[in-house]
Amino acid sequence: MRRHWSFGDAARAQALDAAVRERSAERIRAFVALPDERALDQAAKRIRDFGIPGGGEGFNDTGATSQRVGIPQSKRGRVIGKGGSTRLAIEAQSGARVVLRESEDCLLLGQPEQVQEAARIILELVS
């Protein structure tokens, strides 16, 4: 995996190793402090596990961003759709990834304009 991120640059590989070790230690400390229901929430775990540093350090130069959008429990079905069809349509139309969590929010991942478009569509559906 290291070769995919460091492109043969030894200094970059060392920086990545150090960042991974530090992030792993942070995750363990955070995980131990979580209440059981949060620690075992698989949807939250998918998001919690992506803490690789970005931007100036060169590990994530994609410009990707994330945004949480609140969705009342009573309107989650409008965003999900039959068999997940609406969620998939939102992803196809906006280009953003839509992750519905067990809590009353949804996480949008992608380029800023993709995330904004997905948020707009979701807010239209639940308003």
N, C-alpha and C. Protein backbone atom coordinates (compact mmCIF):
# COMPACT_ATOMS: atom_id res chain seq x y z
N MET A 1 0.82 -1.19 0.00
CA MET A 1 0.00 0.00 0.00
C MET A 1 0.87 1.26 0.00
N ARG A 2 1.97 1.19 0.71
CA ARG A 2 2.85 2.35 0.83
C ARG A 2 3.31 2.85 -0.53
N ARG A 3 3.59 1.95 -1.45
CA ARG A 3 4.11 2.38 -2.75
C ARG A 3 3.07 3.18 -3.53
N HIS A 4 1.78 2.93 -3.27
CA HIS A 4 0.73 3.67 -3.95
C HIS A 4 0.61 5.11 -3.44
N TRP A 5 1.02 5.33 -2.21
CA TRP A 5 0.91 6.66 -1.62
C TRP A 5 2.22 7.44 -1.68
N SER A 6 3.34 6.73 -1.67
CA SER A 6 4.63 7.44 -1.58
C SER A 6 5.36 7.53 -2.91
N PHE A 7 4.96 6.76 -3.90
CA PHE A 7 5.56 6.80 -5.23
C PHE A 7 7.08 6.67 -5.18
N GLY A 8 7.58 5.78 -4.32
CA GLY A 8 9.01 5.52 -4.25
C GLY A 8 9.81 6.57 -3.49
N ASP A 9 9.17 7.57 -2.93
CA ASP A 9 9.83 8.63 -2.18
C ASP A 9 9.99 8.18 -0.73
N ALA A 10 11.24 7.92 -0.31
CA ALA A 10 11.49 7.38 1.03
C ALA A 10 11.02 8.33 2.13
N ALA A 11 11.24 9.61 1.96
CA ALA A 11 10.82 10.58 2.98
C ALA A 11 9.29 10.60 3.11
N ARG A 12 8.62 10.53 1.98
CA ARG A 12 7.16 10.51 1.99
C ARG A 12 6.65 9.22 2.64
N ALA A 13 7.31 8.11 2.36
CA ALA A 13 6.93 6.83 2.96
C ALA A 13 7.10 6.88 4.48
N GLN A 14 8.19 7.48 4.95
CA GLN A 14 8.42 7.60 6.40
C GLN A 14 7.36 8.50 7.03
N ALA A 15 7.03 9.59 6.36
CA ALA A 15 6.00 10.50 6.87
C ALA A 15 4.65 9.79 6.94
N LEU A 16 4.35 9.00 5.93
CA LEU A 16 3.10 8.24 5.93
C LEU A 16 3.09 7.23 7.06
N ASP A 17 4.19 6.50 7.25
CA ASP A 17 4.27 5.54 8.34
C ASP A 17 4.05 6.22 9.69
N ALA A 18 4.68 7.36 9.89
CA ALA A 18 4.54 8.10 11.15
C ALA A 18 3.09 8.55 11.33
N ALA A 19 2.47 9.05 10.27
CA ALA A 19 1.08 9.50 10.35
C ALA A 19 0.14 8.34 10.65
N VAL A 20 0.39 7.20 10.04
CA VAL A 20 -0.45 6.02 10.28
C VAL A 20 -0.30 5.55 11.72
N ARG A 21 0.94 5.51 12.23
CA ARG A 21 1.15 5.10 13.63
C ARG A 21 0.43 6.05 14.59
N GLU A 22 0.56 7.35 14.36
CA GLU A 22 -0.08 8.33 15.23
C GLU A 22 -1.59 8.22 15.14
N ARG A 23 -2.12 8.12 13.92
CA ARG A 23 -3.58 8.02 13.75
C ARG A 23 -4.11 6.75 14.37
N SER A 24 -3.37 5.65 14.25
CA SER A 24 -3.80 4.39 14.87
C SER A 24 -3.89 4.54 16.38
N ALA A 25 -2.90 5.19 16.97
CA ALA A 25 -2.92 5.42 18.42
C ALA A 25 -4.10 6.30 18.81
N GLU A 26 -4.38 7.35 18.02
CA GLU A 26 -5.52 8.23 18.30
C GLU A 26 -6.84 7.45 18.21
N ARG A 27 -6.94 6.61 17.19
CA ARG A 27 -8.17 5.83 17.01
C ARG A 27 -8.40 4.89 18.18
N ILE A 28 -7.34 4.26 18.65
CA ILE A 28 -7.48 3.35 19.79
C ILE A 28 -7.93 4.13 21.02
N ARG A 29 -7.29 5.28 21.28
CA ARG A 29 -7.70 6.09 22.44
C ARG A 29 -9.15 6.54 22.31
N ALA A 30 -9.56 6.96 21.13
CA ALA A 30 -10.93 7.42 20.91
C ALA A 30 -11.92 6.26 21.02
N PHE A 31 -11.57 5.12 20.48
CA PHE A 31 -12.47 3.97 20.46
C PHE A 31 -12.74 3.49 21.88
N VAL A 32 -11.71 3.43 22.70
CA VAL A 32 -11.87 2.97 24.08
C VAL A 32 -12.81 3.89 24.85
N ALA A 33 -12.82 5.16 24.52
CA ALA A 33 -13.66 6.13 25.23
C ALA A 33 -15.10 6.18 24.71
N LEU A 34 -15.41 5.50 23.61
CA LEU A 34 -16.76 5.56 23.04
C LEU A 34 -17.74 4.69 23.82
N PRO A 35 -18.99 5.14 23.93
CA PRO A 35 -20.02 4.26 24.47
C PRO A 35 -20.21 3.07 23.53
N ASP A 36 -20.66 1.95 24.06
CA ASP A 36 -20.79 0.73 23.25
C ASP A 36 -21.58 0.93 21.96
N GLU A 37 -22.72 1.65 22.03
CA GLU A 37 -23.54 1.79 20.83
C GLU A 37 -22.81 2.56 19.73
N ARG A 38 -21.97 3.53 20.08
CA ARG A 38 -21.20 4.27 19.07
C ARG A 38 -20.02 3.43 18.58
N ALA A 39 -19.37 2.71 19.49
CA ALA A 39 -18.21 1.90 19.11
C ALA A 39 -18.60 0.79 18.15
N LEU A 40 -19.81 0.27 18.29
CA LEU A 40 -20.25 -0.85 17.47
C LEU A 40 -21.08 -0.42 16.26
N ASP A 41 -21.30 0.87 16.08
CA ASP A 41 -22.06 1.39 14.95
C ASP A 41 -21.20 1.27 13.68
N GLN A 42 -21.54 0.29 12.84
CA GLN A 42 -20.73 0.01 11.65
C GLN A 42 -20.73 1.16 10.65
N ALA A 43 -21.84 1.87 10.52
CA ALA A 43 -21.88 3.00 9.59
C ALA A 43 -20.93 4.10 10.06
N ALA A 44 -20.92 4.37 11.36
CA ALA A 44 -20.01 5.39 11.89
C ALA A 44 -18.56 4.94 11.77
N LYS A 45 -18.32 3.64 11.92
CA LYS A 45 -16.96 3.12 11.84
C LYS A 45 -16.35 3.39 10.47
N ARG A 46 -17.15 3.25 9.41
CA ARG A 46 -16.63 3.51 8.06
C ARG A 46 -16.10 4.93 7.94
N ILE A 47 -16.76 5.88 8.59
CA ILE A 47 -16.35 7.27 8.51
C ILE A 47 -15.20 7.53 9.47
N ARG A 48 -15.28 6.97 10.64
CA ARG A 48 -14.30 7.19 11.70
C ARG A 48 -12.91 6.74 11.27
N ASP A 49 -12.82 5.78 10.41
CA ASP A 49 -11.54 5.17 10.05
C ASP A 49 -10.77 5.90 8.96
N PHE A 50 -11.28 7.03 8.44
CA PHE A 50 -10.60 7.73 7.35
C PHE A 50 -9.96 9.02 7.82
N GLY A 51 -8.92 8.93 8.63
CA GLY A 51 -8.28 10.13 9.15
C GLY A 51 -6.91 10.38 8.58
N ILE A 52 -6.65 9.97 7.37
CA ILE A 52 -5.33 10.19 6.77
C ILE A 52 -5.17 11.68 6.52
N PRO A 53 -4.04 12.25 6.91
CA PRO A 53 -3.85 13.69 6.71
C PRO A 53 -3.89 14.07 5.24
N GLY A 54 -4.31 15.30 4.96
CA GLY A 54 -4.45 15.70 3.57
C GLY A 54 -3.84 17.05 3.30
N GLY A 55 -4.17 17.59 2.14
CA GLY A 55 -3.74 18.93 1.78
C GLY A 55 -2.25 19.06 1.67
N GLY A 56 -1.67 19.95 2.48
CA GLY A 56 -0.26 20.29 2.38
C GLY A 56 0.70 19.13 2.56
N GLU A 57 0.27 18.06 3.22
CA GLU A 57 1.18 16.94 3.44
C GLU A 57 1.26 16.03 2.22
N GLY A 58 0.40 16.20 1.27
CA GLY A 58 0.49 15.45 0.02
C GLY A 58 -0.13 14.08 0.03
N PHE A 59 -0.84 13.70 1.10
CA PHE A 59 -1.45 12.38 1.14
C PHE A 59 -2.82 12.35 0.49
N ASN A 60 -3.50 13.50 0.43
CA ASN A 60 -4.81 13.56 -0.20
C ASN A 60 -4.91 14.89 -0.94
N ASP A 61 -4.42 14.92 -2.14
CA ASP A 61 -4.43 16.14 -2.93
C ASP A 61 -5.63 16.22 -3.85
N THR A 62 -6.67 15.44 -3.58
CA THR A 62 -7.81 15.39 -4.48
C THR A 62 -8.76 16.56 -4.30
N GLY A 63 -8.71 17.24 -3.17
CA GLY A 63 -9.64 18.32 -2.89
C GLY A 63 -10.98 17.83 -2.39
N ALA A 64 -11.10 16.53 -2.15
CA ALA A 64 -12.37 15.97 -1.67
C ALA A 64 -12.73 16.56 -0.32
N THR A 65 -14.03 16.64 -0.09
CA THR A 65 -14.52 17.20 1.16
C THR A 65 -15.70 16.37 1.64
N SER A 66 -16.19 16.69 2.83
CA SER A 66 -17.35 15.99 3.36
C SER A 66 -18.28 16.99 4.02
N GLN A 67 -19.53 16.60 4.15
CA GLN A 67 -20.53 17.44 4.80
C GLN A 67 -21.58 16.54 5.41
N ARG A 68 -22.03 16.88 6.59
CA ARG A 68 -23.12 16.16 7.24
C ARG A 68 -24.42 16.92 6.97
N VAL A 69 -25.47 16.16 6.67
CA VAL A 69 -26.78 16.75 6.43
C VAL A 69 -27.76 16.03 7.35
N GLY A 70 -28.49 16.82 8.15
CA GLY A 70 -29.47 16.24 9.05
C GLY A 70 -30.70 15.76 8.30
N ILE A 71 -31.15 14.55 8.63
CA ILE A 71 -32.35 13.97 8.02
C ILE A 71 -33.22 13.43 9.15
N PRO A 72 -34.40 14.00 9.36
CA PRO A 72 -35.29 13.47 10.40
C PRO A 72 -35.59 11.99 10.13
N GLN A 73 -35.70 11.21 11.20
CA GLN A 73 -35.98 9.77 11.06
C GLN A 73 -37.22 9.54 10.19
N SER A 74 -38.23 10.41 10.35
CA SER A 74 -39.49 10.22 9.63
C SER A 74 -39.34 10.42 8.12
N LYS A 75 -38.22 11.01 7.68
CA LYS A 75 -38.06 11.30 6.24
C LYS A 75 -36.88 10.56 5.61
N ARG A 76 -36.27 9.66 6.35
CA ARG A 76 -35.12 8.91 5.83
C ARG A 76 -35.50 8.08 4.61
N GLY A 77 -36.71 7.55 4.61
CA GLY A 77 -37.18 6.73 3.50
C GLY A 77 -37.19 7.49 2.18
N ARG A 78 -37.44 8.79 2.24
CA ARG A 78 -37.44 9.61 1.02
C ARG A 78 -36.04 9.68 0.41
N VAL A 79 -35.03 9.66 1.26
CA VAL A 79 -33.65 9.75 0.77
C VAL A 79 -33.16 8.38 0.33
N ILE A 80 -33.59 7.33 1.02
CA ILE A 80 -33.14 5.98 0.68
C ILE A 80 -33.83 5.48 -0.58
N GLY A 81 -35.16 5.57 -0.61
CA GLY A 81 -35.92 5.06 -1.75
C GLY A 81 -36.05 3.54 -1.70
N LYS A 82 -36.86 3.02 -2.57
CA LYS A 82 -37.10 1.57 -2.61
C LYS A 82 -35.82 0.85 -3.02
N GLY A 83 -35.33 -0.02 -2.15
CA GLY A 83 -34.10 -0.76 -2.43
C GLY A 83 -32.87 0.12 -2.58
N GLY A 84 -32.95 1.34 -2.03
CA GLY A 84 -31.80 2.25 -2.12
C GLY A 84 -31.74 3.02 -3.42
N SER A 85 -32.83 2.97 -4.21
CA SER A 85 -32.81 3.58 -5.54
C SER A 85 -32.63 5.10 -5.51
N THR A 86 -33.25 5.77 -4.54
CA THR A 86 -33.13 7.24 -4.48
C THR A 86 -31.71 7.63 -4.10
N ARG A 87 -31.14 6.94 -3.12
CA ARG A 87 -29.76 7.23 -2.72
C ARG A 87 -28.81 7.04 -3.90
N LEU A 88 -29.00 5.98 -4.64
CA LEU A 88 -28.15 5.73 -5.82
C LEU A 88 -28.35 6.81 -6.89
N ALA A 89 -29.59 7.27 -7.05
CA ALA A 89 -29.86 8.32 -8.03
C ALA A 89 -29.21 9.64 -7.62
N ILE A 90 -29.22 9.92 -6.31
CA ILE A 90 -28.56 11.14 -5.81
C ILE A 90 -27.06 11.04 -6.09
N GLU A 91 -26.47 9.88 -5.85
CA GLU A 91 -25.05 9.69 -6.12
C GLU A 91 -24.75 9.86 -7.61
N ALA A 92 -25.60 9.29 -8.45
CA ALA A 92 -25.37 9.38 -9.90
C ALA A 92 -25.52 10.81 -10.40
N GLN A 93 -26.53 11.52 -9.90
CA GLN A 93 -26.78 12.88 -10.37
C GLN A 93 -25.73 13.87 -9.86
N SER A 94 -25.30 13.71 -8.60
CA SER A 94 -24.37 14.68 -8.01
C SER A 94 -22.91 14.29 -8.17
N GLY A 95 -22.64 12.99 -8.20
CA GLY A 95 -21.27 12.52 -8.23
C GLY A 95 -20.68 12.33 -6.84
N ALA A 96 -21.43 12.71 -5.80
CA ALA A 96 -20.96 12.56 -4.42
C ALA A 96 -21.37 11.20 -3.87
N ARG A 97 -20.64 10.73 -2.90
CA ARG A 97 -20.98 9.50 -2.19
C ARG A 97 -21.93 9.87 -1.06
N VAL A 98 -23.02 9.14 -0.89
CA VAL A 98 -24.01 9.40 0.15
C VAL A 98 -23.99 8.23 1.13
N VAL A 99 -23.63 8.52 2.38
CA VAL A 99 -23.56 7.49 3.41
C VAL A 99 -24.61 7.81 4.46
N LEU A 100 -25.62 6.95 4.56
CA LEU A 100 -26.66 7.13 5.57
C LEU A 100 -26.22 6.42 6.84
N ARG A 101 -26.26 7.15 7.91
CA ARG A 101 -25.82 6.62 9.20
C ARG A 101 -27.03 6.26 10.04
N GLU A 102 -26.79 5.54 11.12
CA GLU A 102 -27.89 5.15 12.00
C GLU A 102 -28.46 6.35 12.75
N SER A 103 -27.65 7.38 12.93
CA SER A 103 -28.14 8.60 13.58
C SER A 103 -28.97 9.39 12.58
N GLU A 104 -29.40 10.57 12.97
CA GLU A 104 -30.25 11.38 12.10
C GLU A 104 -29.44 12.26 11.16
N ASP A 105 -28.33 11.75 10.67
CA ASP A 105 -27.59 12.53 9.70
C ASP A 105 -27.06 11.62 8.61
N CYS A 106 -26.61 12.26 7.58
CA CYS A 106 -26.08 11.56 6.42
C CYS A 106 -24.76 12.24 6.08
N LEU A 107 -23.81 11.49 5.65
CA LEU A 107 -22.50 12.04 5.31
C LEU A 107 -22.35 12.04 3.80
N LEU A 108 -21.95 13.19 3.27
CA LEU A 108 -21.72 13.34 1.83
C LEU A 108 -20.24 13.49 1.60
N LEU A 109 -19.68 12.74 0.65
CA LEU A 109 -18.26 12.76 0.35
C LEU A 109 -18.05 13.02 -1.13
N GLY A 110 -17.10 13.87 -1.46
CA GLY A 110 -16.79 14.14 -2.86
C GLY A 110 -16.15 15.50 -3.05
N GLN A 111 -16.08 15.94 -4.27
CA GLN A 111 -15.59 17.27 -4.56
C GLN A 111 -16.60 18.29 -4.05
N PRO A 112 -16.16 19.50 -3.70
CA PRO A 112 -17.08 20.48 -3.11
C PRO A 112 -18.37 20.69 -3.90
N GLU A 113 -18.28 20.82 -5.22
CA GLU A 113 -19.50 21.04 -6.00
C GLU A 113 -20.41 19.81 -6.00
N GLN A 114 -19.83 18.61 -5.94
CA GLN A 114 -20.62 17.39 -5.88
C GLN A 114 -21.37 17.31 -4.54
N VAL A 115 -20.66 17.62 -3.47
CA VAL A 115 -21.25 17.58 -2.14
C VAL A 115 -22.37 18.61 -2.03
N GLN A 116 -22.16 19.80 -2.56
CA GLN A 116 -23.19 20.85 -2.53
C GLN A 116 -24.44 20.41 -3.29
N GLU A 117 -24.25 19.79 -4.44
CA GLU A 117 -25.39 19.34 -5.24
C GLU A 117 -26.15 18.23 -4.51
N ALA A 118 -25.44 17.28 -3.92
CA ALA A 118 -26.10 16.20 -3.18
C ALA A 118 -26.87 16.77 -2.00
N ALA A 119 -26.28 17.72 -1.29
CA ALA A 119 -26.97 18.35 -0.15
C ALA A 119 -28.23 19.06 -0.62
N ARG A 120 -28.16 19.76 -1.74
CA ARG A 120 -29.32 20.46 -2.28
C ARG A 120 -30.44 19.48 -2.58
N ILE A 121 -30.11 18.37 -3.24
CA ILE A 121 -31.12 17.36 -3.61
C ILE A 121 -31.75 16.78 -2.36
N ILE A 122 -30.93 16.43 -1.37
CA ILE A 122 -31.45 15.81 -0.14
C ILE A 122 -32.34 16.79 0.60
N LEU A 123 -31.92 18.04 0.70
CA LEU A 123 -32.74 19.02 1.41
C LEU A 123 -34.07 19.26 0.71
N GLU A 124 -34.09 19.18 -0.62
CA GLU A 124 -35.35 19.27 -1.37
C GLU A 124 -36.26 18.09 -1.04
N LEU A 125 -35.67 16.90 -0.94
CA LEU A 125 -36.46 15.71 -0.67
C LEU A 125 -37.09 15.72 0.73
N VAL A 126 -36.39 16.26 1.72
CA VAL A 126 -36.88 16.19 3.10
C VAL A 126 -37.64 17.45 3.52
N SER A 127 -37.69 18.47 2.66
CA SER A 127 -38.40 19.70 3.07
C SER A 127 -39.88 19.62 2.71
